[in-house]
């Protein structure tokens, strides 16, 4: 593969965390987009077959639970969201197991809270478990343990969770797939003249100010949480790419070094 303009050395990109947001995994009403999930399972399994180590950070447990229960009012309270997450997480894993199995790929479930990664003993345990799974060519499917998380131990969004996981396992690259092409000079939905920013070397206050607003109704993040995630990865020497996940095959383009989305380049990788 060799070096290219996008990466210092693409041959060194082996361990990858891929986070996919709620809006990419579901339809607007919260029901799962099975076609896209099947595409995701196929592409991630194929990347694993190439010899890459993949961690998949998934969203959508709360949204899926809300849709299954038919109780949107659960979004109004923490216990309601946690109950919905309990239902939705079980549904998600059942579907992931079935779809990844179609591609002969073993997956596992890893549920984390901030307590786990902030506490030395549990952090090491989680790190050892993840490393062992990756060495066995298993794809860990990671989500926040919403059912038990409280304000003190919550990540709050899976962008932050994915960056924390990337740091935990010393990943080579963090990829955040969402419903937007990347970071723009303005809000592309409101400003047709807004331009996609292809590369960010320094996460400055000006960059943070470009990220405003929240994501979808069922999601918990937006561009600002992705900038925060990129900052966490940046501090650990890990590049981050924000790209549109409507076509999961974009992962192939990213890993071929093509200019897709917004690339946040850590200082050690320039």
C-alpha atoms as a PDB file:
ATOM      1  CA  UNK A   1       0.000   0.000   0.000  1.00  0.00           C
ATOM      2  CA  UNK A   2       2.748   2.458   0.964  1.00  0.00           C
ATOM      3  CA  UNK A   3       2.601   6.131   1.858  1.00  0.00           C
ATOM      4  CA  UNK A   4       0.270   8.716   0.360  1.00  0.00           C
ATOM      5  CA  UNK A   5      -0.774  12.326   0.817  1.00  0.00           C
ATOM      6  CA  UNK A   6      -3.498  11.574   3.368  1.00  0.00           C
ATOM      7  CA  UNK A   7      -1.493   9.443   5.767  1.00  0.00           C
ATOM      8  CA  UNK A   8       2.142   9.549   6.763  1.00  0.00           C
ATOM      9  CA  UNK A   9       2.308   5.777   6.279  1.00  0.00           C
ATOM     10  CA  UNK A  10      -0.869   3.902   5.464  1.00  0.00           C
ATOM     11  CA  UNK A  11       0.834   0.562   6.159  1.00  0.00           C
ATOM     12  CA  UNK A  12       0.881   1.477   9.851  1.00  0.00           C
ATOM     13  CA  UNK A  13      -2.910   1.807  10.038  1.00  0.00           C
ATOM     14  CA  UNK A  14      -3.956  -1.566  11.364  1.00  0.00           C
ATOM     15  CA  UNK A  15      -5.996  -1.040  14.540  1.00  0.00           C
ATOM     16  CA  UNK A  16      -9.082   1.056  13.799  1.00  0.00           C
ATOM     17  CA  UNK A  17     -12.036   2.239  15.871  1.00  0.00           C
ATOM     18  CA  UNK A  18     -15.155   2.896  13.773  1.00  0.00           C
ATOM     19  CA  UNK A  19     -18.017   4.749  15.419  1.00  0.00           C
ATOM     20  CA  UNK A  20     -21.362   4.937  13.649  1.00  0.00           C
ATOM     21  CA  UNK A  21     -24.084   7.285  14.838  1.00  0.00           C
ATOM     22  CA  UNK A  22     -27.772   6.739  15.453  1.00  0.00           C
ATOM     23  CA  UNK A  23     -28.831   8.695  12.362  1.00  0.00           C
ATOM     24  CA  UNK A  24     -26.762   6.356  10.186  1.00  0.00           C
ATOM     25  CA  UNK A  25     -28.076   3.161  11.776  1.00  0.00           C
ATOM     26  CA  UNK A  26     -31.770   4.089  11.899  1.00  0.00           C
ATOM     27  CA  UNK A  27     -34.526   5.742   9.945  1.00  0.00           C
ATOM     28  CA  UNK A  28     -35.875   9.084  11.245  1.00  0.00           C
ATOM     29  CA  UNK A  29     -38.565   7.329  13.272  1.00  0.00           C
ATOM     30  CA  UNK A  30     -35.969   5.303  15.144  1.00  0.00           C
ATOM     31  CA  UNK A  31     -36.481   1.948  13.426  1.00  0.00           C
ATOM     32  CA  UNK A  32     -33.342   0.167  12.290  1.00  0.00           C
ATOM     33  CA  UNK A  33     -32.039   0.552   8.741  1.00  0.00           C
ATOM     34  CA  UNK A  34     -31.338  -3.136   8.093  1.00  0.00           C
ATOM     35  CA  UNK A  35     -29.883  -2.527   4.640  1.00  0.00           C
ATOM     36  CA  UNK A  36     -27.238  -0.188   6.001  1.00  0.00           C
ATOM     37  CA  UNK A  37     -26.459  -2.405   8.989  1.00  0.00           C
ATOM     38  CA  UNK A  38     -25.903  -5.315   6.596  1.00  0.00           C
ATOM     39  CA  UNK A  39     -23.518  -3.126   4.577  1.00  0.00           C
ATOM     40  CA  UNK A  40     -21.667  -2.183   7.754  1.00  0.00           C
ATOM     41  CA  UNK A  41     -21.360  -5.824   8.801  1.00  0.00           C
ATOM     42  CA  UNK A  42     -20.023  -6.769   5.369  1.00  0.00           C
ATOM     43  CA  UNK A  43     -17.460  -3.966   5.151  1.00  0.00           C
ATOM     44  CA  UNK A  44     -16.173  -4.355   8.718  1.00  0.00           C
ATOM     45  CA  UNK A  45     -15.931  -8.134   8.271  1.00  0.00           C
ATOM     46  CA  UNK A  46     -14.042  -7.634   5.029  1.00  0.00           C
ATOM     47  CA  UNK A  47     -11.614  -5.212   6.666  1.00  0.00           C
ATOM     48  CA  UNK A  48     -11.062  -7.779   9.390  1.00  0.00           C
ATOM     49  CA  UNK A  49     -10.381 -10.398   6.696  1.00  0.00           C
ATOM     50  CA  UNK A  50      -7.692  -8.073   5.335  1.00  0.00           C
ATOM     51  CA  UNK A  51      -5.879  -8.472   8.640  1.00  0.00           C
ATOM     52  CA  UNK A  52      -6.993  -5.214  10.246  1.00  0.00           C
ATOM     53  CA  UNK A  53      -8.185  -5.100  13.839  1.00  0.00           C
ATOM     54  CA  UNK A  54     -11.578  -3.409  14.035  1.00  0.00           C
ATOM     55  CA  UNK A  55     -13.548  -2.082  17.003  1.00  0.00           C
ATOM     56  CA  UNK A  56     -17.107  -1.026  16.219  1.00  0.00           C
ATOM     57  CA  UNK A  57     -18.660   1.598  18.507  1.00  0.00           C
ATOM     58  CA  UNK A  58     -22.394   1.611  17.962  1.00  0.00           C
ATOM     59  CA  UNK A  59     -25.129   4.030  18.896  1.00  0.00           C
ATOM     60  CA  UNK A  60     -28.915   3.635  18.640  1.00  0.00           C
ATOM     61  CA  UNK A  61     -29.782   1.492  21.695  1.00  0.00           C
ATOM     62  CA  UNK A  62     -32.053   4.151  23.191  1.00  0.00           C
ATOM     63  CA  UNK A  63     -33.640   5.038  19.846  1.00  0.00           C
ATOM     64  CA  UNK A  64     -34.269   1.405  18.959  1.00  0.00           C
ATOM     65  CA  UNK A  65     -35.772   0.739  22.379  1.00  0.00           C
ATOM     66  CA  UNK A  66     -38.052   3.766  22.086  1.00  0.00           C
ATOM     67  CA  UNK A  67     -39.239   2.615  18.656  1.00  0.00           C
ATOM     68  CA  UNK A  68     -39.807  -0.968  19.823  1.00  0.00           C
ATOM     69  CA  UNK A  69     -41.748   0.063  22.908  1.00  0.00           C
ATOM     70  CA  UNK A  70     -43.671   2.774  21.065  1.00  0.00           C
ATOM     71  CA  UNK A  71     -43.135   5.176  23.957  1.00  0.00           C
ATOM     72  CA  UNK A  72     -41.390   8.392  22.834  1.00  0.00           C
ATOM     73  CA  UNK A  73     -42.221   9.916  26.210  1.00  0.00           C
ATOM     74  CA  UNK A  74     -39.429   7.792  27.706  1.00  0.00           C
ATOM     75  CA  UNK A  75     -36.954  10.318  26.280  1.00  0.00           C
ATOM     76  CA  UNK A  76     -38.129  12.813  28.896  1.00  0.00           C
ATOM     77  CA  UNK A  77     -36.464  11.074  31.853  1.00  0.00           C
ATOM     78  CA  UNK A  78     -33.196   9.326  32.691  1.00  0.00           C
ATOM     79  CA  UNK A  79     -34.930   6.143  33.953  1.00  0.00           C
ATOM     80  CA  UNK A  80     -37.029   6.135  30.773  1.00  0.00           C
ATOM     81  CA  UNK A  81     -33.952   6.365  28.562  1.00  0.00           C
ATOM     82  CA  UNK A  82     -32.217   3.655  30.575  1.00  0.00           C
ATOM     83  CA  UNK A  83     -35.209   1.344  30.272  1.00  0.00           C
ATOM     84  CA  UNK A  84     -35.349   1.975  26.517  1.00  0.00           C
ATOM     85  CA  UNK A  85     -31.604   1.300  26.255  1.00  0.00           C
ATOM     86  CA  UNK A  86     -32.040  -2.030  28.015  1.00  0.00           C
ATOM     87  CA  UNK A  87     -34.586  -3.139  25.403  1.00  0.00           C
ATOM     88  CA  UNK A  88     -32.738  -1.592  22.484  1.00  0.00           C
ATOM     89  CA  UNK A  89     -29.308  -2.971  23.356  1.00  0.00           C
ATOM     90  CA  UNK A  90     -30.621  -6.546  23.382  1.00  0.00           C
ATOM     91  CA  UNK A  91     -32.278  -6.000  20.008  1.00  0.00           C
ATOM     92  CA  UNK A  92     -29.160  -4.447  18.516  1.00  0.00           C
ATOM     93  CA  UNK A  93     -26.877  -7.288  19.552  1.00  0.00           C
ATOM     94  CA  UNK A  94     -29.262  -9.934  18.262  1.00  0.00           C
ATOM     95  CA  UNK A  95     -29.321  -8.211  14.876  1.00  0.00           C
ATOM     96  CA  UNK A  96     -25.561  -7.638  14.806  1.00  0.00           C
ATOM     97  CA  UNK A  97     -24.879 -11.269  15.696  1.00  0.00           C
ATOM     98  CA  UNK A  98     -27.091 -12.448  12.854  1.00  0.00           C
ATOM     99  CA  UNK A  99     -25.735 -10.068  10.221  1.00  0.00           C
ATOM    100  CA  UNK A 100     -22.049 -10.468  11.072  1.00  0.00           C
ATOM    101  CA  UNK A 101     -22.562 -14.226  11.172  1.00  0.00           C
ATOM    102  CA  UNK A 102     -23.627 -14.062   7.509  1.00  0.00           C
ATOM    103  CA  UNK A 103     -20.029 -13.003   6.809  1.00  0.00           C
ATOM    104  CA  UNK A 104     -18.529 -15.614   9.121  1.00  0.00           C
ATOM    105  CA  UNK A 105     -17.396 -12.900  11.523  1.00  0.00           C
ATOM    106  CA  UNK A 106     -17.423 -13.375  15.298  1.00  0.00           C
ATOM    107  CA  UNK A 107     -18.437 -10.310  17.307  1.00  0.00           C
ATOM    108  CA  UNK A 108     -18.587  -9.606  21.021  1.00  0.00           C
ATOM    109  CA  UNK A 109     -20.420  -7.108  23.186  1.00  0.00           C
ATOM    110  CA  UNK A 110     -18.538  -4.636  25.383  1.00  0.00           C
ATOM    111  CA  UNK A 111     -20.568  -2.228  27.519  1.00  0.00           C
ATOM    112  CA  UNK A 112     -18.593   0.544  29.216  1.00  0.00           C
ATOM    113  CA  UNK A 113     -19.124   3.423  31.622  1.00  0.00           C
ATOM    114  CA  UNK A 114     -16.737   6.261  32.348  1.00  0.00           C
ATOM    115  CA  UNK A 115     -16.007   4.639  35.699  1.00  0.00           C
ATOM    116  CA  UNK A 116     -14.427   1.677  33.911  1.00  0.00           C
ATOM    117  CA  UNK A 117     -11.982   3.820  31.934  1.00  0.00           C
ATOM    118  CA  UNK A 118     -11.264   6.286  34.762  1.00  0.00           C
ATOM    119  CA  UNK A 119     -10.399   3.621  37.338  1.00  0.00           C
ATOM    120  CA  UNK A 120      -6.983   1.968  37.024  1.00  0.00           C
ATOM    121  CA  UNK A 121      -7.959  -1.622  37.787  1.00  0.00           C
ATOM    122  CA  UNK A 122     -11.070  -1.735  35.623  1.00  0.00           C
ATOM    123  CA  UNK A 123      -9.325   0.189  32.820  1.00  0.00           C
ATOM    124  CA  UNK A 124      -6.548  -2.408  32.669  1.00  0.00           C
ATOM    125  CA  UNK A 125      -9.122  -5.215  32.726  1.00  0.00           C
ATOM    126  CA  UNK A 126     -11.044  -3.619  29.849  1.00  0.00           C
ATOM    127  CA  UNK A 127      -7.819  -3.019  27.937  1.00  0.00           C
ATOM    128  CA  UNK A 128      -6.697  -6.634  28.354  1.00  0.00           C
ATOM    129  CA  UNK A 129     -10.088  -7.959  27.302  1.00  0.00           C
ATOM    130  CA  UNK A 130     -10.221  -5.777  24.189  1.00  0.00           C
ATOM    131  CA  UNK A 131      -6.662  -6.684  23.190  1.00  0.00           C
ATOM    132  CA  UNK A 132      -7.395 -10.400  23.611  1.00  0.00           C
ATOM    133  CA  UNK A 133     -10.546 -10.152  21.487  1.00  0.00           C
ATOM    134  CA  UNK A 134      -8.686  -8.305  18.728  1.00  0.00           C
ATOM    135  CA  UNK A 135      -5.867 -10.856  18.742  1.00  0.00           C
ATOM    136  CA  UNK A 136      -8.517 -13.554  18.168  1.00  0.00           C
ATOM    137  CA  UNK A 137      -9.908 -11.622  15.153  1.00  0.00           C
ATOM    138  CA  UNK A 138     -13.136 -10.861  17.010  1.00  0.00           C
ATOM    139  CA  UNK A 139     -14.803  -7.501  16.361  1.00  0.00           C
ATOM    140  CA  UNK A 140     -15.817  -5.976  19.710  1.00  0.00           C
ATOM    141  CA  UNK A 141     -19.088  -4.053  19.476  1.00  0.00           C
ATOM    142  CA  UNK A 142     -18.915  -1.284  22.070  1.00  0.00           C
ATOM    143  CA  UNK A 143     -21.639   0.870  23.533  1.00  0.00           C
ATOM    144  CA  UNK A 144     -22.131   2.859  26.693  1.00  0.00           C
ATOM    145  CA  UNK A 145     -23.816   0.924  29.477  1.00  0.00           C
ATOM    146  CA  UNK A 146     -26.775   3.323  29.491  1.00  0.00           C
ATOM    147  CA  UNK A 147     -28.819   1.061  31.753  1.00  0.00           C
ATOM    148  CA  UNK A 148     -26.621   1.754  34.791  1.00  0.00           C
ATOM    149  CA  UNK A 149     -24.782   4.954  33.838  1.00  0.00           C
ATOM    150  CA  UNK A 150     -25.510   8.005  35.984  1.00  0.00           C
ATOM    151  CA  UNK A 151     -24.386  11.597  35.597  1.00  0.00           C
ATOM    152  CA  UNK A 152     -21.154  10.928  37.464  1.00  0.00           C
ATOM    153  CA  UNK A 153     -20.029   8.017  35.281  1.00  0.00           C
ATOM    154  CA  UNK A 154     -21.650   8.748  31.930  1.00  0.00           C
ATOM    155  CA  UNK A 155     -19.689   9.524  28.760  1.00  0.00           C
ATOM    156  CA  UNK A 156     -22.731  11.372  27.444  1.00  0.00           C
ATOM    157  CA  UNK A 157     -22.192  10.558  23.793  1.00  0.00           C
ATOM    158  CA  UNK A 158     -20.592   7.791  21.784  1.00  0.00           C
ATOM    159  CA  UNK A 159     -18.193  10.139  20.017  1.00  0.00           C
ATOM    160  CA  UNK A 160     -16.412  10.655  23.337  1.00  0.00           C
ATOM    161  CA  UNK A 161     -16.723   6.950  24.095  1.00  0.00           C
ATOM    162  CA  UNK A 162     -15.131   6.007  20.770  1.00  0.00           C
ATOM    163  CA  UNK A 163     -12.175   8.345  21.335  1.00  0.00           C
ATOM    164  CA  UNK A 164     -11.712   6.928  24.826  1.00  0.00           C
ATOM    165  CA  UNK A 165     -11.749   3.403  23.412  1.00  0.00           C
ATOM    166  CA  UNK A 166      -9.242   4.419  20.725  1.00  0.00           C
ATOM    167  CA  UNK A 167      -6.906   5.702  23.438  1.00  0.00           C
ATOM    168  CA  UNK A 168      -7.533   2.618  25.585  1.00  0.00           C
ATOM    169  CA  UNK A 169      -6.404   0.189  22.880  1.00  0.00           C
ATOM    170  CA  UNK A 170      -3.774   2.459  21.321  1.00  0.00           C
ATOM    171  CA  UNK A 171      -5.605   2.581  17.974  1.00  0.00           C
ATOM    172  CA  UNK A 172      -3.978   3.836  14.791  1.00  0.00           C
ATOM    173  CA  UNK A 173      -7.081   5.645  13.550  1.00  0.00           C
ATOM    174  CA  UNK A 174     -10.502   6.763  14.765  1.00  0.00           C
ATOM    175  CA  UNK A 175     -13.268   7.043  12.165  1.00  0.00           C
ATOM    176  CA  UNK A 176     -16.541   8.788  13.040  1.00  0.00           C
ATOM    177  CA  UNK A 177     -19.304   8.088  10.524  1.00  0.00           C
ATOM    178  CA  UNK A 178     -22.333  10.346  10.702  1.00  0.00           C
ATOM    179  CA  UNK A 179     -24.969  11.973   8.504  1.00  0.00           C
ATOM    180  CA  UNK A 180     -22.653  14.819   7.479  1.00  0.00           C
ATOM    181  CA  UNK A 181     -19.622  14.824   5.188  1.00  0.00           C
ATOM    182  CA  UNK A 182     -17.303  16.396   7.766  1.00  0.00           C
ATOM    183  CA  UNK A 183     -16.530  19.775   9.318  1.00  0.00           C
ATOM    184  CA  UNK A 184     -17.592  22.780   7.243  1.00  0.00           C
ATOM    185  CA  UNK A 185     -16.784  26.465   7.325  1.00  0.00           C
ATOM    186  CA  UNK A 186     -20.456  26.994   8.190  1.00  0.00           C
ATOM    187  CA  UNK A 187     -23.680  25.047   8.585  1.00  0.00           C
ATOM    188  CA  UNK A 188     -24.107  23.388   5.148  1.00  0.00           C
ATOM    189  CA  UNK A 189     -27.835  22.898   5.781  1.00  0.00           C
ATOM    190  CA  UNK A 190     -28.318  26.630   6.182  1.00  0.00           C
ATOM    191  CA  UNK A 191     -25.439  28.049   4.140  1.00  0.00           C
ATOM    192  CA  UNK A 192     -24.992  26.725   0.579  1.00  0.00           C
ATOM    193  CA  UNK A 193     -21.596  28.475   0.401  1.00  0.00           C
ATOM    194  CA  UNK A 194     -20.177  26.507   3.325  1.00  0.00           C
ATOM    195  CA  UNK A 195     -17.028  24.591   2.347  1.00  0.00           C
ATOM    196  CA  UNK A 196     -15.845  21.226   3.601  1.00  0.00           C
ATOM    197  CA  UNK A 197     -12.604  21.456   5.575  1.00  0.00           C
ATOM    198  CA  UNK A 198     -10.463  18.564   4.374  1.00  0.00           C
ATOM    199  CA  UNK A 199      -7.680  18.731   6.962  1.00  0.00           C
ATOM    200  CA  UNK A 200      -7.284  20.101  10.479  1.00  0.00           C
ATOM    201  CA  UNK A 201      -3.843  20.242  12.075  1.00  0.00           C
ATOM    202  CA  UNK A 202      -4.698  22.268  15.171  1.00  0.00           C
ATOM    203  CA  UNK A 203      -7.973  22.083  17.074  1.00  0.00           C
ATOM    204  CA  UNK A 204      -8.270  25.758  17.928  1.00  0.00           C
ATOM    205  CA  UNK A 205     -11.085  27.815  19.404  1.00  0.00           C
ATOM    206  CA  UNK A 206     -12.029  28.843  15.881  1.00  0.00           C
ATOM    207  CA  UNK A 207     -12.412  25.179  14.891  1.00  0.00           C
ATOM    208  CA  UNK A 208     -14.558  24.525  17.961  1.00  0.00           C
ATOM    209  CA  UNK A 209     -16.721  27.541  17.146  1.00  0.00           C
ATOM    210  CA  UNK A 210     -17.502  26.065  13.712  1.00  0.00           C
ATOM    211  CA  UNK A 211     -19.169  23.127  15.443  1.00  0.00           C
ATOM    212  CA  UNK A 212     -22.557  24.139  16.782  1.00  0.00           C
ATOM    213  CA  UNK A 213     -25.941  22.564  17.255  1.00  0.00           C
ATOM    214  CA  UNK A 214     -27.034  19.056  18.104  1.00  0.00           C
ATOM    215  CA  UNK A 215     -27.566  16.022  15.924  1.00  0.00           C
ATOM    216  CA  UNK A 216     -30.779  14.126  15.304  1.00  0.00           C
ATOM    217  CA  UNK A 217     -33.613  13.889  17.822  1.00  0.00           C
ATOM    218  CA  UNK A 218     -32.622  10.356  18.794  1.00  0.00           C
ATOM    219  CA  UNK A 219     -28.895  11.049  18.822  1.00  0.00           C
ATOM    220  CA  UNK A 220     -26.966  12.619  21.688  1.00  0.00           C
ATOM    221  CA  UNK A 221     -24.185  14.338  19.792  1.00  0.00           C
ATOM    222  CA  UNK A 222     -23.439  16.727  17.008  1.00  0.00           C
ATOM    223  CA  UNK A 223     -20.320  18.173  15.428  1.00  0.00           C
ATOM    224  CA  UNK A 224     -19.114  19.635  18.725  1.00  0.00           C
ATOM    225  CA  UNK A 225     -18.931  16.165  20.307  1.00  0.00           C
ATOM    226  CA  UNK A 226     -16.948  14.957  17.296  1.00  0.00           C
ATOM    227  CA  UNK A 227     -14.471  17.808  17.731  1.00  0.00           C
ATOM    228  CA  UNK A 228     -14.176  16.837  21.389  1.00  0.00           C
ATOM    229  CA  UNK A 229     -13.559  13.219  20.368  1.00  0.00           C
ATOM    230  CA  UNK A 230     -10.913  14.311  17.860  1.00  0.00           C
ATOM    231  CA  UNK A 231      -9.256  16.321  20.647  1.00  0.00           C
ATOM    232  CA  UNK A 232      -9.072  13.259  22.909  1.00  0.00           C
ATOM    233  CA  UNK A 233      -7.611  11.168  20.091  1.00  0.00           C
ATOM    234  CA  UNK A 234      -5.270  14.032  19.146  1.00  0.00           C
ATOM    235  CA  UNK A 235      -3.806  14.040  22.677  1.00  0.00           C
ATOM    236  CA  UNK A 236      -2.984  10.338  22.317  1.00  0.00           C
ATOM    237  CA  UNK A 237      -1.350  10.665  18.903  1.00  0.00           C
ATOM    238  CA  UNK A 238      -4.338   9.197  17.027  1.00  0.00           C
ATOM    239  CA  UNK A 239      -5.723  10.683  13.806  1.00  0.00           C
ATOM    240  CA  UNK A 240      -9.483  11.133  13.461  1.00  0.00           C
ATOM    241  CA  UNK A 241     -11.593  11.232  10.323  1.00  0.00           C
ATOM    242  CA  UNK A 242     -15.181  12.476  10.288  1.00  0.00           C
ATOM    243  CA  UNK A 243     -17.098  11.292   7.223  1.00  0.00           C
ATOM    244  CA  UNK A 244     -20.576  10.548   5.918  1.00  0.00           C
ATOM    245  CA  UNK A 245     -21.717   7.012   6.723  1.00  0.00           C
ATOM    246  CA  UNK A 246     -24.595   6.799   4.230  1.00  0.00           C
ATOM    247  CA  UNK A 247     -22.439   4.415   2.186  1.00  0.00           C
ATOM    248  CA  UNK A 248     -20.294   2.306   4.564  1.00  0.00           C
ATOM    249  CA  UNK A 249     -17.964   1.479   1.666  1.00  0.00           C
ATOM    250  CA  UNK A 250     -16.503   4.932   2.302  1.00  0.00           C
ATOM    251  CA  UNK A 251     -14.301   3.057   4.782  1.00  0.00           C
ATOM    252  CA  UNK A 252     -12.432   1.535   1.841  1.00  0.00           C
ATOM    253  CA  UNK A 253     -11.779   5.006   0.413  1.00  0.00           C
ATOM    254  CA  UNK A 254     -10.529   6.257   3.771  1.00  0.00           C
ATOM    255  CA  UNK A 255      -8.152   3.338   4.194  1.00  0.00           C
ATOM    256  CA  UNK A 256      -6.839   3.811   0.660  1.00  0.00           C
ATOM    257  CA  UNK A 257      -5.844   7.321   1.653  1.00  0.00           C
ATOM    258  CA  UNK A 258      -8.433   9.128  -0.456  1.00  0.00           C
ATOM    259  CA  UNK A 259      -9.491  12.626   0.621  1.00  0.00           C
ATOM    260  CA  UNK A 260     -12.781  11.800   2.319  1.00  0.00           C
ATOM    261  CA  UNK A 261     -14.396  13.898   5.031  1.00  0.00           C
ATOM    262  CA  UNK A 262     -12.351  15.912   7.522  1.00  0.00           C
ATOM    263  CA  UNK A 263      -8.997  14.538   8.655  1.00  0.00           C
ATOM    264  CA  UNK A 264      -7.749  15.662  12.086  1.00  0.00           C
ATOM    265  CA  UNK A 265      -4.022  15.016  12.032  1.00  0.00           C
ATOM    266  CA  UNK A 266      -2.241  14.368  15.333  1.00  0.00           C
ATOM    267  CA  UNK A 267       1.148  16.138  15.668  1.00  0.00           C
ATOM    268  CA  UNK A 268       3.127  12.875  15.667  1.00  0.00           C
ATOM    269  CA  UNK A 269       1.554  11.847  12.330  1.00  0.00           C
ATOM    270  CA  UNK A 270       2.432  14.906  10.264  1.00  0.00           C
END
